Amino acid sequence: MDLSSANWKKSTRSNTAGGECVEVADNLTGVVAVRDSKDPSGPVLAFSPQTWRAFVEHTKHP
């Protein structure tokens, strides 16, 4: 997976103290990438856009 054009975004709900945060890149074709903000060169999880949307919707309405 080529992440060179990934536009990583941190949640506005993340604290500014450098806590437990994730970053999401949703500008890639056919994939939404997620990584640990403290380890930007570390592993990346990849989800289909449909799966990511379902996850986000579920977190809004548990």
PDB file of N, CA and C in Angstrom:
ATOM      1  N   MET A   1       0.853  -1.169   0.000  1.00  0.00           N
ATOM      2  CA  MET A   1       0.000   0.000   0.000  1.00  0.00           C
ATOM      3  C   MET A   1       0.904   1.238   0.000  1.00  0.00           C
ATOM      4  N   ASP A   2       0.676   2.107  -0.948  1.00  0.00           N
ATOM      5  CA  ASP A   2       1.461   3.336  -1.059  1.00  0.00           C
ATOM      6  C   ASP A   2       0.820   4.424  -0.213  1.00  0.00           C
ATOM      7  N   LEU A   3       1.511   4.847   0.820  1.00  0.00           N
ATOM      8  CA  LEU A   3       0.993   5.868   1.719  1.00  0.00           C
ATOM      9  C   LEU A   3       1.648   7.228   1.510  1.00  0.00           C
ATOM     10  N   SER A   4       2.415   7.374   0.425  1.00  0.00           N
ATOM     11  CA  SER A   4       3.148   8.620   0.214  1.00  0.00           C
ATOM     12  C   SER A   4       2.237   9.824   0.035  1.00  0.00           C
ATOM     13  N   SER A   5       1.023   9.613  -0.435  1.00  0.00           N
ATOM     14  CA  SER A   5       0.103  10.744  -0.609  1.00  0.00           C
ATOM     15  C   SER A   5      -0.947  10.821   0.499  1.00  0.00           C
ATOM     16  N   ALA A   6      -0.751  10.044   1.557  1.00  0.00           N
ATOM     17  CA  ALA A   6      -1.716  10.041   2.667  1.00  0.00           C
ATOM     18  C   ALA A   6      -1.745  11.392   3.361  1.00  0.00           C
ATOM     19  N   ASN A   7      -2.945  11.881   3.587  1.00  0.00           N
ATOM     20  CA  ASN A   7      -3.166  13.120   4.333  1.00  0.00           C
ATOM     21  C   ASN A   7      -3.661  12.718   5.716  1.00  0.00           C
ATOM     22  N   TRP A   8      -2.736  12.604   6.663  1.00  0.00           N
ATOM     23  CA  TRP A   8      -3.057  12.115   8.005  1.00  0.00           C
ATOM     24  C   TRP A   8      -3.730  13.198   8.827  1.00  0.00           C
ATOM     25  N   LYS A   9      -4.815  12.816   9.519  1.00  0.00           N
ATOM     26  CA  LYS A   9      -5.546  13.754  10.378  1.00  0.00           C
ATOM     27  C   LYS A   9      -5.748  13.124  11.745  1.00  0.00           C
ATOM     28  N   LYS A  10      -5.564  13.943  12.773  1.00  0.00           N
ATOM     29  CA  LYS A  10      -5.810  13.508  14.138  1.00  0.00           C
ATOM     30  C   LYS A  10      -7.189  14.026  14.559  1.00  0.00           C
ATOM     31  N   SER A  11      -7.902  13.256  15.320  1.00  0.00           N
ATOM     32  CA  SER A  11      -9.227  13.649  15.775  1.00  0.00           C
ATOM     33  C   SER A  11      -9.182  14.954  16.560  1.00  0.00           C
ATOM     34  N   THR A  12     -10.195  15.769  16.369  1.00  0.00           N
ATOM     35  CA  THR A  12     -10.302  16.999  17.159  1.00  0.00           C
ATOM     36  C   THR A  12     -10.585  16.677  18.621  1.00  0.00           C
ATOM     37  N   ARG A  13     -10.988  15.449  18.900  1.00  0.00           N
ATOM     38  CA  ARG A  13     -11.233  15.026  20.286  1.00  0.00           C
ATOM     39  C   ARG A  13      -9.963  14.535  20.977  1.00  0.00           C
ATOM     40  N   SER A  14      -8.857  14.462  20.249  1.00  0.00           N
ATOM     41  CA  SER A  14      -7.593  14.044  20.847  1.00  0.00           C
ATOM     42  C   SER A  14      -7.077  15.153  21.750  1.00  0.00           C
ATOM     43  N   ASN A  15      -6.431  14.741  22.835  1.00  0.00           N
ATOM     44  CA  ASN A  15      -5.890  15.768  23.724  1.00  0.00           C
ATOM     45  C   ASN A  15      -4.582  16.305  23.166  1.00  0.00           C
ATOM     46  N   THR A  16      -4.142  17.438  23.656  1.00  0.00           N
ATOM     47  CA  THR A  16      -2.919  18.067  23.159  1.00  0.00           C
ATOM     48  C   THR A  16      -1.697  17.655  23.968  1.00  0.00           C
ATOM     49  N   ALA A  17      -1.873  16.769  24.934  1.00  0.00           N
ATOM     50  CA  ALA A  17      -0.768  16.347  25.792  1.00  0.00           C
ATOM     51  C   ALA A  17      -0.003  15.162  25.217  1.00  0.00           C
ATOM     52  N   GLY A  18      -0.307  14.766  23.976  1.00  0.00           N
ATOM     53  CA  GLY A  18       0.414  13.656  23.367  1.00  0.00           C
ATOM     54  C   GLY A  18      -0.020  12.310  23.866  1.00  0.00           C
ATOM     55  N   GLY A  19      -1.272  12.186  24.216  1.00  0.00           N
ATOM     56  CA  GLY A  19      -1.792  10.938  24.767  1.00  0.00           C
ATOM     57  C   GLY A  19      -2.017   9.865  23.714  1.00  0.00           C
ATOM     58  N   GLU A  20      -2.950   8.998  24.008  1.00  0.00           N
ATOM     59  CA  GLU A  20      -3.276   7.874  23.141  1.00  0.00           C
ATOM     60  C   GLU A  20      -4.125   8.359  21.964  1.00  0.00           C
ATOM     61  N   CYS A  21      -3.510   8.601  20.833  1.00  0.00           N
ATOM     62  CA  CYS A  21      -4.213   9.146  19.673  1.00  0.00           C
ATOM     63  C   CYS A  21      -3.978   8.291  18.435  1.00  0.00           C
ATOM     64  N   VAL A  22      -4.932   8.324  17.547  1.00  0.00           N
ATOM     65  CA  VAL A  22      -4.761   7.702  16.250  1.00  0.00           C
ATOM     66  C   VAL A  22      -4.900   8.779  15.186  1.00  0.00           C
ATOM     67  N   GLU A  23      -4.338   8.490  14.026  1.00  0.00           N
ATOM     68  CA  GLU A  23      -4.471   9.366  12.869  1.00  0.00           C
ATOM     69  C   GLU A  23      -5.119   8.560  11.757  1.00  0.00           C
ATOM     70  N   VAL A  24      -5.934   9.232  10.971  1.00  0.00           N
ATOM     71  CA  VAL A  24      -6.662   8.589   9.887  1.00  0.00           C
ATOM     72  C   VAL A  24      -6.349   9.312   8.586  1.00  0.00           C
ATOM     73  N   ALA A  25      -6.114   8.533   7.546  1.00  0.00           N
ATOM     74  CA  ALA A  25      -5.954   9.089   6.193  1.00  0.00           C
ATOM     75  C   ALA A  25      -7.097   8.545   5.352  1.00  0.00           C
ATOM     76  N   ASP A  26      -8.025   9.428   4.990  1.00  0.00           N
ATOM     77  CA  ASP A  26      -9.186   8.987   4.209  1.00  0.00           C
ATOM     78  C   ASP A  26      -9.187   9.557   2.795  1.00  0.00           C
ATOM     79  N   ASN A  27      -8.032  10.037   2.357  1.00  0.00           N
ATOM     80  CA  ASN A  27      -7.926  10.602   1.013  1.00  0.00           C
ATOM     81  C   ASN A  27      -7.342   9.618  -0.005  1.00  0.00           C
ATOM     82  N   LEU A  28      -7.129   8.382   0.393  1.00  0.00           N
ATOM     83  CA  LEU A  28      -6.536   7.384  -0.498  1.00  0.00           C
ATOM     84  C   LEU A  28      -7.631   6.651  -1.268  1.00  0.00           C
ATOM     85  N   THR A  29      -7.327   6.207  -2.460  1.00  0.00           N
ATOM     86  CA  THR A  29      -8.309   5.518  -3.290  1.00  0.00           C
ATOM     87  C   THR A  29      -8.573   4.111  -2.757  1.00  0.00           C
ATOM     88  N   GLY A  30      -9.824   3.850  -2.387  1.00  0.00           N
ATOM     89  CA  GLY A  30     -10.240   2.511  -2.013  1.00  0.00           C
ATOM     90  C   GLY A  30      -9.819   2.021  -0.653  1.00  0.00           C
ATOM     91  N   VAL A  31      -9.220   2.888   0.178  1.00  0.00           N
ATOM     92  CA  VAL A  31      -8.754   2.442   1.485  1.00  0.00           C
ATOM     93  C   VAL A  31      -8.755   3.614   2.467  1.00  0.00           C
ATOM     94  N   VAL A  32      -9.039   3.308   3.725  1.00  0.00           N
ATOM     95  CA  VAL A  32      -8.872   4.268   4.813  1.00  0.00           C
ATOM     96  C   VAL A  32      -7.773   3.692   5.707  1.00  0.00           C
ATOM     97  N   ALA A  33      -6.718   4.479   5.924  1.00  0.00           N
ATOM     98  CA  ALA A  33      -5.575   4.019   6.698  1.00  0.00           C
ATOM     99  C   ALA A  33      -5.616   4.633   8.095  1.00  0.00           C
ATOM    100  N   VAL A  34      -5.205   3.846   9.094  1.00  0.00           N
ATOM    101  CA  VAL A  34      -5.208   4.282  10.488  1.00  0.00           C
ATOM    102  C   VAL A  34      -3.857   3.913  11.098  1.00  0.00           C
ATOM    103  N   ARG A  35      -3.286   4.865  11.853  1.00  0.00           N
ATOM    104  CA  ARG A  35      -1.993   4.606  12.507  1.00  0.00           C
ATOM    105  C   ARG A  35      -1.951   5.264  13.880  1.00  0.00           C
ATOM    106  N   ASP A  36      -0.994   4.864  14.687  1.00  0.00           N
ATOM    107  CA  ASP A  36      -0.740   5.439  16.001  1.00  0.00           C
ATOM    108  C   ASP A  36       0.015   6.749  15.800  1.00  0.00           C
ATOM    109  N   SER A  37      -0.509   7.836  16.336  1.00  0.00           N
ATOM    110  CA  SER A  37       0.130   9.138  16.124  1.00  0.00           C
ATOM    111  C   SER A  37       1.516   9.229  16.756  1.00  0.00           C
ATOM    112  N   LYS A  38       1.786   8.419  17.770  1.00  0.00           N
ATOM    113  CA  LYS A  38       3.097   8.440  18.418  1.00  0.00           C
ATOM    114  C   LYS A  38       4.141   7.643  17.634  1.00  0.00           C
ATOM    115  N   ASP A  39       3.708   6.862  16.669  1.00  0.00           N
ATOM    116  CA  ASP A  39       4.624   6.013  15.902  1.00  0.00           C
ATOM    117  C   ASP A  39       4.287   6.110  14.410  1.00  0.00           C
ATOM    118  N   PRO A  40       4.504   7.287  13.804  1.00  0.00           N
ATOM    119  CA  PRO A  40       4.084   7.487  12.418  1.00  0.00           C
ATOM    120  C   PRO A  40       4.769   6.579  11.395  1.00  0.00           C
ATOM    121  N   SER A  41       5.898   6.007  11.748  1.00  0.00           N
ATOM    122  CA  SER A  41       6.555   5.091  10.814  1.00  0.00           C
ATOM    123  C   SER A  41       6.233   3.630  11.138  1.00  0.00           C
ATOM    124  N   GLY A  42       5.375   3.427  12.119  1.00  0.00           N
ATOM    125  CA  GLY A  42       5.003   2.081  12.544  1.00  0.00           C
ATOM    126  C   GLY A  42       3.919   1.474  11.670  1.00  0.00           C
ATOM    127  N   PRO A  43       3.298   0.416  12.155  1.00  0.00           N
ATOM    128  CA  PRO A  43       2.287  -0.294  11.370  1.00  0.00           C
ATOM    129  C   PRO A  43       1.049   0.559  11.095  1.00  0.00           C
ATOM    130  N   VAL A  44       0.390   0.222  10.002  1.00  0.00           N
ATOM    131  CA  VAL A  44      -0.826   0.912   9.570  1.00  0.00           C
ATOM    132  C   VAL A  44      -1.916  -0.124   9.364  1.00  0.00           C
ATOM    133  N   LEU A  45      -3.105   0.165   9.882  1.00  0.00           N
ATOM    134  CA  LEU A  45      -4.270  -0.672   9.607  1.00  0.00           C
ATOM    135  C   LEU A  45      -4.990  -0.095   8.402  1.00  0.00           C
ATOM    136  N   ALA A  46      -5.497  -0.960   7.542  1.00  0.00           N
ATOM    137  CA  ALA A  46      -6.202  -0.511   6.340  1.00  0.00           C
ATOM    138  C   ALA A  46      -7.611  -1.093   6.332  1.00  0.00           C
ATOM    139  N   PHE A  47      -8.577  -0.238   6.050  1.00  0.00           N
ATOM    140  CA  PHE A  47      -9.985  -0.628   6.003  1.00  0.00           C
ATOM    141  C   PHE A  47     -10.593  -0.171   4.686  1.00  0.00           C
ATOM    142  N   SER A  48     -11.587  -0.898   4.234  1.00  0.00           N
ATOM    143  CA  SER A  48     -12.330  -0.412   3.075  1.00  0.00           C
ATOM    144  C   SER A  48     -13.132   0.805   3.545  1.00  0.00           C
ATOM    145  N   PRO A  49     -13.433   1.733   2.646  1.00  0.00           N
ATOM    146  CA  PRO A  49     -14.241   2.888   3.053  1.00  0.00           C
ATOM    147  C   PRO A  49     -15.582   2.484   3.666  1.00  0.00           C
ATOM    148  N   GLN A  50     -16.192   1.424   3.161  1.00  0.00           N
ATOM    149  CA  GLN A  50     -17.477   0.967   3.693  1.00  0.00           C
ATOM    150  C   GLN A  50     -17.327   0.471   5.134  1.00  0.00           C
ATOM    151  N   THR A  51     -16.294  -0.299   5.388  1.00  0.00           N
ATOM    152  CA  THR A  51     -16.043  -0.810   6.736  1.00  0.00           C
ATOM    153  C   THR A  51     -15.757   0.334   7.698  1.00  0.00           C
ATOM    154  N   TRP A  52     -14.970   1.304   7.265  1.00  0.00           N
ATOM    155  CA  TRP A  52     -14.647   2.454   8.117  1.00  0.00           C
ATOM    156  C   TRP A  52     -15.910   3.256   8.447  1.00  0.00           C
ATOM    157  N   ARG A  53     -16.760   3.490   7.452  1.00  0.00           N
ATOM    158  CA  ARG A  53     -18.013   4.220   7.693  1.00  0.00           C
ATOM    159  C   ARG A  53     -18.890   3.486   8.705  1.00  0.00           C
ATOM    160  N   ALA A  54     -18.967   2.162   8.565  1.00  0.00           N
ATOM    161  CA  ALA A  54     -19.759   1.363   9.500  1.00  0.00           C
ATOM    162  C   ALA A  54     -19.194   1.471  10.918  1.00  0.00           C
ATOM    163  N   PHE A  55     -17.881   1.429  11.046  1.00  0.00           N
ATOM    164  CA  PHE A  55     -17.239   1.568  12.358  1.00  0.00           C
ATOM    165  C   PHE A  55     -17.561   2.928  12.971  1.00  0.00           C
ATOM    166  N   VAL A  56     -17.399   3.977  12.204  1.00  0.00           N
ATOM    167  CA  VAL A  56     -17.660   5.330  12.710  1.00  0.00           C
ATOM    168  C   VAL A  56     -19.124   5.473  13.118  1.00  0.00           C
ATOM    169  N   GLU A  57     -20.035   4.980  12.300  1.00  0.00           N
ATOM    170  CA  GLU A  57     -21.448   5.060  12.640  1.00  0.00           C
ATOM    171  C   GLU A  57     -21.767   4.287  13.921  1.00  0.00           C
ATOM    172  N   HIS A  58     -21.146   3.126  14.078  1.00  0.00           N
ATOM    173  CA  HIS A  58     -21.374   2.323  15.288  1.00  0.00           C
ATOM    174  C   HIS A  58     -20.871   3.047  16.534  1.00  0.00           C
ATOM    175  N   THR A  59     -19.758   3.767  16.429  1.00  0.00           N
ATOM    176  CA  THR A  59     -19.239   4.478  17.593  1.00  0.00           C
ATOM    177  C   THR A  59     -20.130   5.652  17.971  1.00  0.00           C
ATOM    178  N   LYS A  60     -20.880   6.178  17.022  1.00  0.00           N
ATOM    179  CA  LYS A  60     -21.810   7.278  17.311  1.00  0.00           C
ATOM    180  C   LYS A  60     -23.067   6.774  18.009  1.00  0.00           C
ATOM    181  N   HIS A  61     -23.443   5.534  17.716  1.00  0.00           N
ATOM    182  CA  HIS A  61     -24.694   4.952  18.235  1.00  0.00           C
ATOM    183  C   HIS A  61     -24.439   3.555  18.785  1.00  0.00           C
ATOM    184  N   PRO A  62     -23.770   3.456  19.927  1.00  0.00           N
ATOM    185  CA  PRO A  62     -23.426   2.121  20.452  1.00  0.00           C
ATOM    186  C   PRO A  62     -24.658   1.305  20.842  1.00  0.00           C
TER     187      PRO A  62
END
